[in-house]
Structures are given as structure tokens and as C-alpha cells.
PDB file of N, CA and C in Angstrom:
ATOM      1  N   MET A   1      13.953  -0.625   9.037  1.00  0.00           N
ATOM      2  CA  MET A   1      12.685  -0.119   8.556  1.00  0.00           C
ATOM      3  C   MET A   1      12.741   1.407   8.542  1.00  0.00           C
ATOM      4  N   THR A   2      12.104   1.969   7.544  1.00  0.00           N
ATOM      5  CA  THR A   2      12.040   3.418   7.441  1.00  0.00           C
ATOM      6  C   THR A   2      10.590   3.847   7.271  1.00  0.00           C
ATOM      7  N   ILE A   3      10.281   5.027   7.771  1.00  0.00           N
ATOM      8  CA  ILE A   3       8.951   5.582   7.599  1.00  0.00           C
ATOM      9  C   ILE A   3       8.986   6.484   6.379  1.00  0.00           C
ATOM     10  N   GLU A   4       8.146   6.177   5.409  1.00  0.00           N
ATOM     11  CA  GLU A   4       8.126   6.895   4.134  1.00  0.00           C
ATOM     12  C   GLU A   4       6.885   7.775   4.043  1.00  0.00           C
ATOM     13  N   THR A   5       7.045   8.975   3.496  1.00  0.00           N
ATOM     14  CA  THR A   5       5.897   9.828   3.212  1.00  0.00           C
ATOM     15  C   THR A   5       5.733  10.043   1.716  1.00  0.00           C
ATOM     16  N   LYS A   6       6.796   9.817   0.951  1.00  0.00           N
ATOM     17  CA  LYS A   6       6.722   9.897  -0.514  1.00  0.00           C
ATOM     18  C   LYS A   6       6.501   8.493  -1.046  1.00  0.00           C
ATOM     19  N   PHE A   7       5.766   8.383  -2.123  1.00  0.00           N
ATOM     20  CA  PHE A   7       5.447   7.082  -2.695  1.00  0.00           C
ATOM     21  C   PHE A   7       6.337   6.803  -3.885  1.00  0.00           C
ATOM     22  N   ASP A   8       6.879   5.578  -3.938  1.00  0.00           N
ATOM     23  CA  ASP A   8       7.766   5.208  -5.025  1.00  0.00           C
ATOM     24  C   ASP A   8       7.012   4.713  -6.244  1.00  0.00           C
ATOM     25  N   SER A   9       5.700   4.453  -6.095  1.00  0.00           N
ATOM     26  CA  SER A   9       4.900   4.038  -7.244  1.00  0.00           C
ATOM     27  C   SER A   9       3.430   4.339  -6.972  1.00  0.00           C
ATOM     28  N   ASN A  10       2.669   4.428  -8.028  1.00  0.00           N
ATOM     29  CA  ASN A  10       1.228   4.648  -7.874  1.00  0.00           C
ATOM     30  C   ASN A  10       0.562   3.445  -7.226  1.00  0.00           C
ATOM     31  N   TYR A  11       1.099   2.270  -7.461  1.00  0.00           N
ATOM     32  CA  TYR A  11       0.551   1.048  -6.875  1.00  0.00           C
ATOM     33  C   TYR A  11       0.611   1.119  -5.351  1.00  0.00           C
ATOM     34  N   ARG A  12       1.767   1.522  -4.819  1.00  0.00           N
ATOM     35  CA  ARG A  12       1.908   1.632  -3.365  1.00  0.00           C
ATOM     36  C   ARG A  12       0.976   2.708  -2.813  1.00  0.00           C
ATOM     37  N   LYS A  13       0.824   3.795  -3.550  1.00  0.00           N
ATOM     38  CA  LYS A  13      -0.069   4.883  -3.120  1.00  0.00           C
ATOM     39  C   LYS A  13      -1.504   4.379  -3.001  1.00  0.00           C
ATOM     40  N   VAL A  14      -1.944   3.588  -3.950  1.00  0.00           N
ATOM     41  CA  VAL A  14      -3.291   3.021  -3.925  1.00  0.00           C
ATOM     42  C   VAL A  14      -3.445   2.048  -2.762  1.00  0.00           C
ATOM     43  N   LEU A  15      -2.434   1.211  -2.521  1.00  0.00           N
ATOM     44  CA  LEU A  15      -2.496   0.257  -1.411  1.00  0.00           C
ATOM     45  C   LEU A  15      -2.611   0.966  -0.067  1.00  0.00           C
ATOM     46  N   VAL A  16      -1.823   2.022   0.118  1.00  0.00           N
ATOM     47  CA  VAL A  16      -1.852   2.770   1.372  1.00  0.00           C
ATOM     48  C   VAL A  16      -3.206   3.460   1.542  1.00  0.00           C
ATOM     49  N   ALA A  17      -3.726   4.057   0.477  1.00  0.00           N
ATOM     50  CA  ALA A  17      -5.032   4.720   0.553  1.00  0.00           C
ATOM     51  C   ALA A  17      -6.144   3.713   0.830  1.00  0.00           C
ATOM     52  N   ALA A  18      -6.061   2.527   0.247  1.00  0.00           N
ATOM     53  CA  ALA A  18      -7.084   1.502   0.473  1.00  0.00           C
ATOM     54  C   ALA A  18      -7.072   1.034   1.923  1.00  0.00           C
ATOM     55  N   ARG A  19      -5.887   0.854   2.474  1.00  0.00           N
ATOM     56  CA  ARG A  19      -5.798   0.434   3.882  1.00  0.00           C
ATOM     57  C   ARG A  19      -6.352   1.526   4.794  1.00  0.00           C
ATOM     58  N   ARG A  20      -6.037   2.779   4.478  1.00  0.00           N
ATOM     59  CA  ARG A  20      -6.554   3.893   5.283  1.00  0.00           C
ATOM     60  C   ARG A  20      -8.073   3.988   5.160  1.00  0.00           C
ATOM     61  N   ALA A  21      -8.615   3.748   3.969  1.00  0.00           N
ATOM     62  CA  ALA A  21     -10.066   3.771   3.768  1.00  0.00           C
ATOM     63  C   ALA A  21     -10.738   2.713   4.634  1.00  0.00           C
ATOM     64  N   ARG A  22     -10.125   1.538   4.760  1.00  0.00           N
ATOM     65  CA  ARG A  22     -10.676   0.491   5.628  1.00  0.00           C
ATOM     66  C   ARG A  22     -10.672   0.936   7.090  1.00  0.00           C
ATOM     67  N   GLN A  23      -9.626   1.656   7.490  1.00  0.00           N
ATOM     68  CA  GLN A  23      -9.577   2.173   8.853  1.00  0.00           C
ATOM     69  C   GLN A  23     -10.689   3.185   9.096  1.00  0.00           C
ATOM     70  N   ILE A  24     -10.935   4.035   8.124  1.00  0.00           N
ATOM     71  CA  ILE A  24     -11.997   5.044   8.238  1.00  0.00           C
ATOM     72  C   ILE A  24     -13.358   4.364   8.315  1.00  0.00           C
ATOM     73  N   GLN A  25     -13.565   3.336   7.504  1.00  0.00           N
ATOM     74  CA  GLN A  25     -14.825   2.593   7.554  1.00  0.00           C
ATOM     75  C   GLN A  25     -15.029   1.909   8.898  1.00  0.00           C
ATOM     76  N   SER A  26     -13.935   1.574   9.566  1.00  0.00           N
ATOM     77  CA  SER A  26     -14.015   0.901  10.861  1.00  0.00           C
ATOM     78  C   SER A  26     -14.189   1.887  12.019  1.00  0.00           C
ATOM     79  N   GLY A  27     -14.223   3.176  11.720  1.00  0.00           N
ATOM     80  CA  GLY A  27     -14.505   4.145  12.775  1.00  0.00           C
ATOM     81  C   GLY A  27     -13.444   5.189  13.027  1.00  0.00           C
ATOM     82  N   SER A  28     -12.317   5.158  12.327  1.00  0.00           N
ATOM     83  CA  SER A  28     -11.288   6.182  12.519  1.00  0.00           C
ATOM     84  C   SER A  28     -11.796   7.523  12.015  1.00  0.00           C
ATOM     85  N   HIS A  29     -11.303   8.583  12.627  1.00  0.00           N
ATOM     86  CA  HIS A  29     -11.695   9.929  12.228  1.00  0.00           C
ATOM     87  C   HIS A  29     -10.776  10.442  11.126  1.00  0.00           C
ATOM     88  N   ALA A  30     -11.297  11.311  10.270  1.00  0.00           N
ATOM     89  CA  ALA A  30     -10.520  11.880   9.175  1.00  0.00           C
ATOM     90  C   ALA A  30      -9.430  12.796   9.732  1.00  0.00           C
ATOM     91  N   LEU A  31      -8.282  12.804   9.089  1.00  0.00           N
ATOM     92  CA  LEU A  31      -7.155  13.630   9.502  1.00  0.00           C
ATOM     93  C   LEU A  31      -7.150  14.989   8.812  1.00  0.00           C
ATOM     94  N   VAL A  32      -8.009  15.167   7.825  1.00  0.00           N
ATOM     95  CA  VAL A  32      -8.114  16.436   7.112  1.00  0.00           C
ATOM     96  C   VAL A  32      -9.580  16.855   7.072  1.00  0.00           C
ATOM     97  N   PRO A  33      -9.843  18.149   7.059  1.00  0.00           N
ATOM     98  CA  PRO A  33     -11.233  18.577   6.898  1.00  0.00           C
ATOM     99  C   PRO A  33     -11.711  18.266   5.485  1.00  0.00           C
ATOM    100  N   THR A  34     -12.893  17.700   5.384  1.00  0.00           N
ATOM    101  CA  THR A  34     -13.392  17.280   4.075  1.00  0.00           C
ATOM    102  C   THR A  34     -14.907  17.407   4.027  1.00  0.00           C
ATOM    103  N   GLN A  35     -15.427  17.558   2.825  1.00  0.00           N
ATOM    104  CA  GLN A  35     -16.869  17.601   2.610  1.00  0.00           C
ATOM    105  C   GLN A  35     -17.407  16.225   2.248  1.00  0.00           C
ATOM    106  N   SER A  36     -16.521  15.299   1.908  1.00  0.00           N
ATOM    107  CA  SER A  36     -16.922  13.981   1.451  1.00  0.00           C
ATOM    108  C   SER A  36     -17.297  13.088   2.624  1.00  0.00           C
ATOM    109  N   THR A  37     -18.200  12.156   2.360  1.00  0.00           N
ATOM    110  CA  THR A  37     -18.574  11.159   3.366  1.00  0.00           C
ATOM    111  C   THR A  37     -18.070   9.774   2.973  1.00  0.00           C
ATOM    112  N   LYS A  38     -17.467   9.677   1.799  1.00  0.00           N
ATOM    113  CA  LYS A  38     -16.965   8.390   1.316  1.00  0.00           C
ATOM    114  C   LYS A  38     -15.555   8.140   1.833  1.00  0.00           C
ATOM    115  N   ALA A  39     -15.356   6.953   2.403  1.00  0.00           N
ATOM    116  CA  ALA A  39     -14.078   6.614   3.020  1.00  0.00           C
ATOM    117  C   ALA A  39     -12.935   6.643   2.017  1.00  0.00           C
ATOM    118  N   CYS A  40     -13.177   6.178   0.804  1.00  0.00           N
ATOM    119  CA  CYS A  40     -12.131   6.130  -0.217  1.00  0.00           C
ATOM    120  C   CYS A  40     -11.655   7.542  -0.575  1.00  0.00           C
ATOM    121  N   ARG A  41     -12.582   8.453  -0.740  1.00  0.00           N
ATOM    122  CA  ARG A  41     -12.228   9.827  -1.101  1.00  0.00           C
ATOM    123  C   ARG A  41     -11.513  10.528   0.047  1.00  0.00           C
ATOM    124  N   ILE A  42     -11.956  10.287   1.280  1.00  0.00           N
ATOM    125  CA  ILE A  42     -11.294  10.880   2.443  1.00  0.00           C
ATOM    126  C   ILE A  42      -9.856  10.385   2.521  1.00  0.00           C
ATOM    127  N   ALA A  43      -9.649   9.084   2.310  1.00  0.00           N
ATOM    128  CA  ALA A  43      -8.304   8.511   2.344  1.00  0.00           C
ATOM    129  C   ALA A  43      -7.428   9.121   1.249  1.00  0.00           C
ATOM    130  N   GLN A  44      -7.977   9.319   0.068  1.00  0.00           N
ATOM    131  CA  GLN A  44      -7.210   9.935  -1.014  1.00  0.00           C
ATOM    132  C   GLN A  44      -6.797  11.359  -0.644  1.00  0.00           C
ATOM    133  N   GLU A  45      -7.701  12.106  -0.032  1.00  0.00           N
ATOM    134  CA  GLU A  45      -7.385  13.473   0.370  1.00  0.00           C
ATOM    135  C   GLU A  45      -6.307  13.499   1.452  1.00  0.00           C
ATOM    136  N   GLU A  46      -6.342  12.529   2.363  1.00  0.00           N
ATOM    137  CA  GLU A  46      -5.325  12.447   3.398  1.00  0.00           C
ATOM    138  C   GLU A  46      -3.959  12.129   2.803  1.00  0.00           C
ATOM    139  N   VAL A  47      -3.916  11.229   1.840  1.00  0.00           N
ATOM    140  CA  VAL A  47      -2.659  10.883   1.175  1.00  0.00           C
ATOM    141  C   VAL A  47      -2.110  12.096   0.426  1.00  0.00           C
ATOM    142  N   GLU A  48      -2.985  12.808  -0.301  1.00  0.00           N
ATOM    143  CA  GLU A  48      -2.555  13.984  -1.054  1.00  0.00           C
ATOM    144  C   GLU A  48      -2.049  15.090  -0.135  1.00  0.00           C
ATOM    145  N   ALA A  49      -2.612  15.182   1.087  1.00  0.00           N
ATOM    146  CA  ALA A  49      -2.193  16.205   2.040  1.00  0.00           C
ATOM    147  C   ALA A  49      -0.908  15.824   2.770  1.00  0.00           C
ATOM    148  N   GLY A  50      -0.429  14.592   2.566  1.00  0.00           N
ATOM    149  CA  GLY A  50       0.794  14.152   3.216  1.00  0.00           C
ATOM    150  C   GLY A  50       0.595  13.739   4.668  1.00  0.00           C
ATOM    151  N   LYS A  51      -0.622  13.424   5.048  1.00  0.00           N
ATOM    152  CA  LYS A  51      -0.935  13.033   6.427  1.00  0.00           C
ATOM    153  C   LYS A  51      -0.730  11.552   6.687  1.00  0.00           C
ATOM    154  N   ILE A  52      -0.561  10.758   5.633  1.00  0.00           N
ATOM    155  CA  ILE A  52      -0.427   9.315   5.777  1.00  0.00           C
ATOM    156  C   ILE A  52       0.998   8.901   5.416  1.00  0.00           C
ATOM    157  N   ALA A  53       1.599   8.123   6.289  1.00  0.00           N
ATOM    158  CA  ALA A  53       2.932   7.574   6.041  1.00  0.00           C
ATOM    159  C   ALA A  53       2.830   6.053   6.104  1.00  0.00           C
ATOM    160  N   TYR A  54       3.857   5.379   5.634  1.00  0.00           N
ATOM    161  CA  TYR A  54       3.872   3.925   5.690  1.00  0.00           C
ATOM    162  C   TYR A  54       5.279   3.464   6.058  1.00  0.00           C
ATOM    163  N   VAL A  55       5.359   2.260   6.567  1.00  0.00           N
ATOM    164  CA  VAL A  55       6.644   1.692   6.971  1.00  0.00           C
ATOM    165  C   VAL A  55       7.130   0.777   5.861  1.00  0.00           C
ATOM    166  N   LYS A  56       8.364   1.002   5.454  1.00  0.00           N
ATOM    167  CA  LYS A  56       8.957   0.192   4.394  1.00  0.00           C
ATOM    168  C   LYS A  56      10.111  -0.598   5.005  1.00  0.00           C
ATOM    169  N   ALA A  57       9.984  -1.913   4.973  1.00  0.00           N
ATOM    170  CA  ALA A  57      11.029  -2.778   5.513  1.00  0.00           C
ATOM    171  C   ALA A  57      12.212  -2.814   4.559  1.00  0.00           C
ATOM    172  N   ASP A  58      13.403  -2.769   5.101  1.00  0.00           N
ATOM    173  CA  ASP A  58      14.614  -2.806   4.283  1.00  0.00           C
ATOM    174  C   ASP A  58      15.054  -4.253   4.069  1.00  0.00           C
ATOM    175  N   VAL A  59      14.183  -5.018   3.434  1.00  0.00           N
ATOM    176  CA  VAL A  59      14.457  -6.423   3.164  1.00  0.00           C
ATOM    177  C   VAL A  59      14.715  -6.567   1.667  1.00  0.00           C
ATOM    178  N   PRO A  60      15.883  -7.056   1.287  1.00  0.00           N
ATOM    179  CA  PRO A  60      16.153  -7.207  -0.148  1.00  0.00           C
ATOM    180  C   PRO A  60      15.297  -8.305  -0.762  1.00  0.00           C
ATOM    181  N   VAL A  61      14.977  -8.137  -2.019  1.00  0.00           N
ATOM    182  CA  VAL A  61      14.207  -9.132  -2.747  1.00  0.00           C
ATOM    183  C   VAL A  61      15.151 -10.246  -3.176  1.00  0.00           C
ATOM    184  N   VAL A  62      14.797 -11.465  -2.820  1.00  0.00           N
ATOM    185  CA  VAL A  62      15.642 -12.612  -3.130  1.00  0.00           C
ATOM    186  C   VAL A  62      14.825 -13.615  -3.929  1.00  0.00           C
ATOM    187  N   LYS A  63      15.361 -14.029  -5.072  1.00  0.00           N
ATOM    188  CA  LYS A  63      14.676 -15.036  -5.873  1.00  0.00           C
ATOM    189  C   LYS A  63      14.869 -16.392  -5.216  1.00  0.00           C
ATOM    190  N   PRO A  64      13.819 -17.186  -5.132  1.00  0.00           N
ATOM    191  CA  PRO A  64      13.988 -18.520  -4.547  1.00  0.00           C
ATOM    192  C   PRO A  64      14.816 -19.402  -5.482  1.00  0.00           C
ATOM    193  N   PRO A  65      15.636 -20.271  -4.905  1.00  0.00           N
ATOM    194  CA  PRO A  65      16.435 -21.158  -5.760  1.00  0.00           C
ATOM    195  C   PRO A  65      15.536 -22.179  -6.459  1.00  0.00           C
ATOM    196  N   ILE A  66      15.874 -22.459  -7.698  1.00  0.00           N
ATOM    197  CA  ILE A  66      15.121 -23.438  -8.489  1.00  0.00           C
ATOM    198  C   ILE A  66      15.986 -24.669  -8.638  1.00  0.00           C
ATOM    199  N   GLU A  67      15.454 -25.776  -8.173  1.00  0.00           N
ATOM    200  CA  GLU A  67      16.200 -27.025  -8.296  1.00  0.00           C
ATOM    201  C   GLU A  67      15.734 -27.752  -9.551  1.00  0.00           C
ATOM    202  N   GLY A  68      16.644 -28.376 -10.218  1.00  0.00           N
ATOM    203  CA  GLY A  68      16.294 -29.119 -11.420  1.00  0.00           C
ATOM    204  C   GLY A  68      16.259 -28.209 -12.645  1.00  0.00           C
ATOM    205  N   PRO A  69      15.583 -28.638 -13.697  1.00  0.00           N
ATOM    206  CA  PRO A  69      15.527 -27.840 -14.917  1.00  0.00           C
ATOM    207  C   PRO A  69      14.775 -26.529 -14.682  1.00  0.00           C
ATOM    208  N   ALA A  70      15.179 -25.506 -15.406  1.00  0.00           N
ATOM    209  CA  ALA A  70      14.570 -24.209 -15.238  1.00  0.00           C
ATOM    210  C   ALA A  70      13.116 -24.178 -15.685  1.00  0.00           C
ATOM    211  N   ILE A  71      12.800 -24.952 -16.723  1.00  0.00           N
ATOM    212  CA  ILE A  71      11.433 -25.004 -17.230  1.00  0.00           C
ATOM    213  C   ILE A  71      10.898 -26.402 -16.998  1.00  0.00           C
ATOM    214  N   PRO A  72       9.846 -26.530 -16.181  1.00  0.00           N
ATOM    215  CA  PRO A  72       9.324 -27.877 -15.954  1.00  0.00           C
ATOM    216  C   PRO A  72       8.688 -28.438 -17.213  1.00  0.00           C
ATOM    217  N   ILE A  73       8.904 -29.698 -17.453  1.00  0.00           N
ATOM    218  CA  ILE A  73       8.348 -30.360 -18.627  1.00  0.00           C
ATOM    219  C   ILE A  73       7.178 -31.224 -18.166  1.00  0.00           C
ATOM    220  N   LEU A  74       6.020 -30.960 -18.713  1.00  0.00           N
ATOM    221  CA  LEU A  74       4.841 -31.717 -18.355  1.00  0.00           C
ATOM    222  C   LEU A  74       4.590 -32.788 -19.398  1.00  0.00           C
ATOM    223  N   LEU A  75       4.526 -34.011 -18.961  1.00  0.00           N
ATOM    224  CA  LEU A  75       4.252 -35.116 -19.869  1.00  0.00           C
ATOM    225  C   LEU A  75       2.814 -35.565 -19.684  1.00  0.00           C
ATOM    226  N   SER A  76       2.138 -35.745 -20.786  1.00  0.00           N
ATOM    227  CA  SER A  76       0.758 -36.194 -20.671  1.00  0.00           C
ATOM    228  C   SER A  76       0.562 -37.537 -21.289  1.00  0.00           C
TER     229      SER A  76
END
């Protein structure tokens, strides 16, 4: 596992910010000074400031084996 501070996609950036926003809504304090009171905006500012990191597991993606024909045939 590695701790990442750079995001490899916008999708991951949104997921990390959303999780942080939930933490803020649950009572966590902001890591950056902000004028906003909205958890989502505070989380975005923290991500942009580089205060939020995430753990990326080094697990390779493996396709599950498909037994039988590749395309299932449905008979009605």
C-alpha cells in the first residue's frame, strides 16, 4: 500500500473529497482556514491545498474467469 497525495483521475479526487466531506459533517475540524460553512466546499479546499491523502492498495486488477460460452444465450 502507498499513501498518495496526487490524484490519478478526477473520479478519485471526487471520491476522496466526498469521504472527507462526510467526516466534516460528522464533526471533524477543517484542516485549512476557510470562510465556507459547507462541508463539501471545505473538503474541496482541503484537497486543493494538498492536506488530504489517500491509501492506494497495490492489488492488480484481475478479470474473473468465465466458464462456458462468453456470451450467455437466453432462451424464451
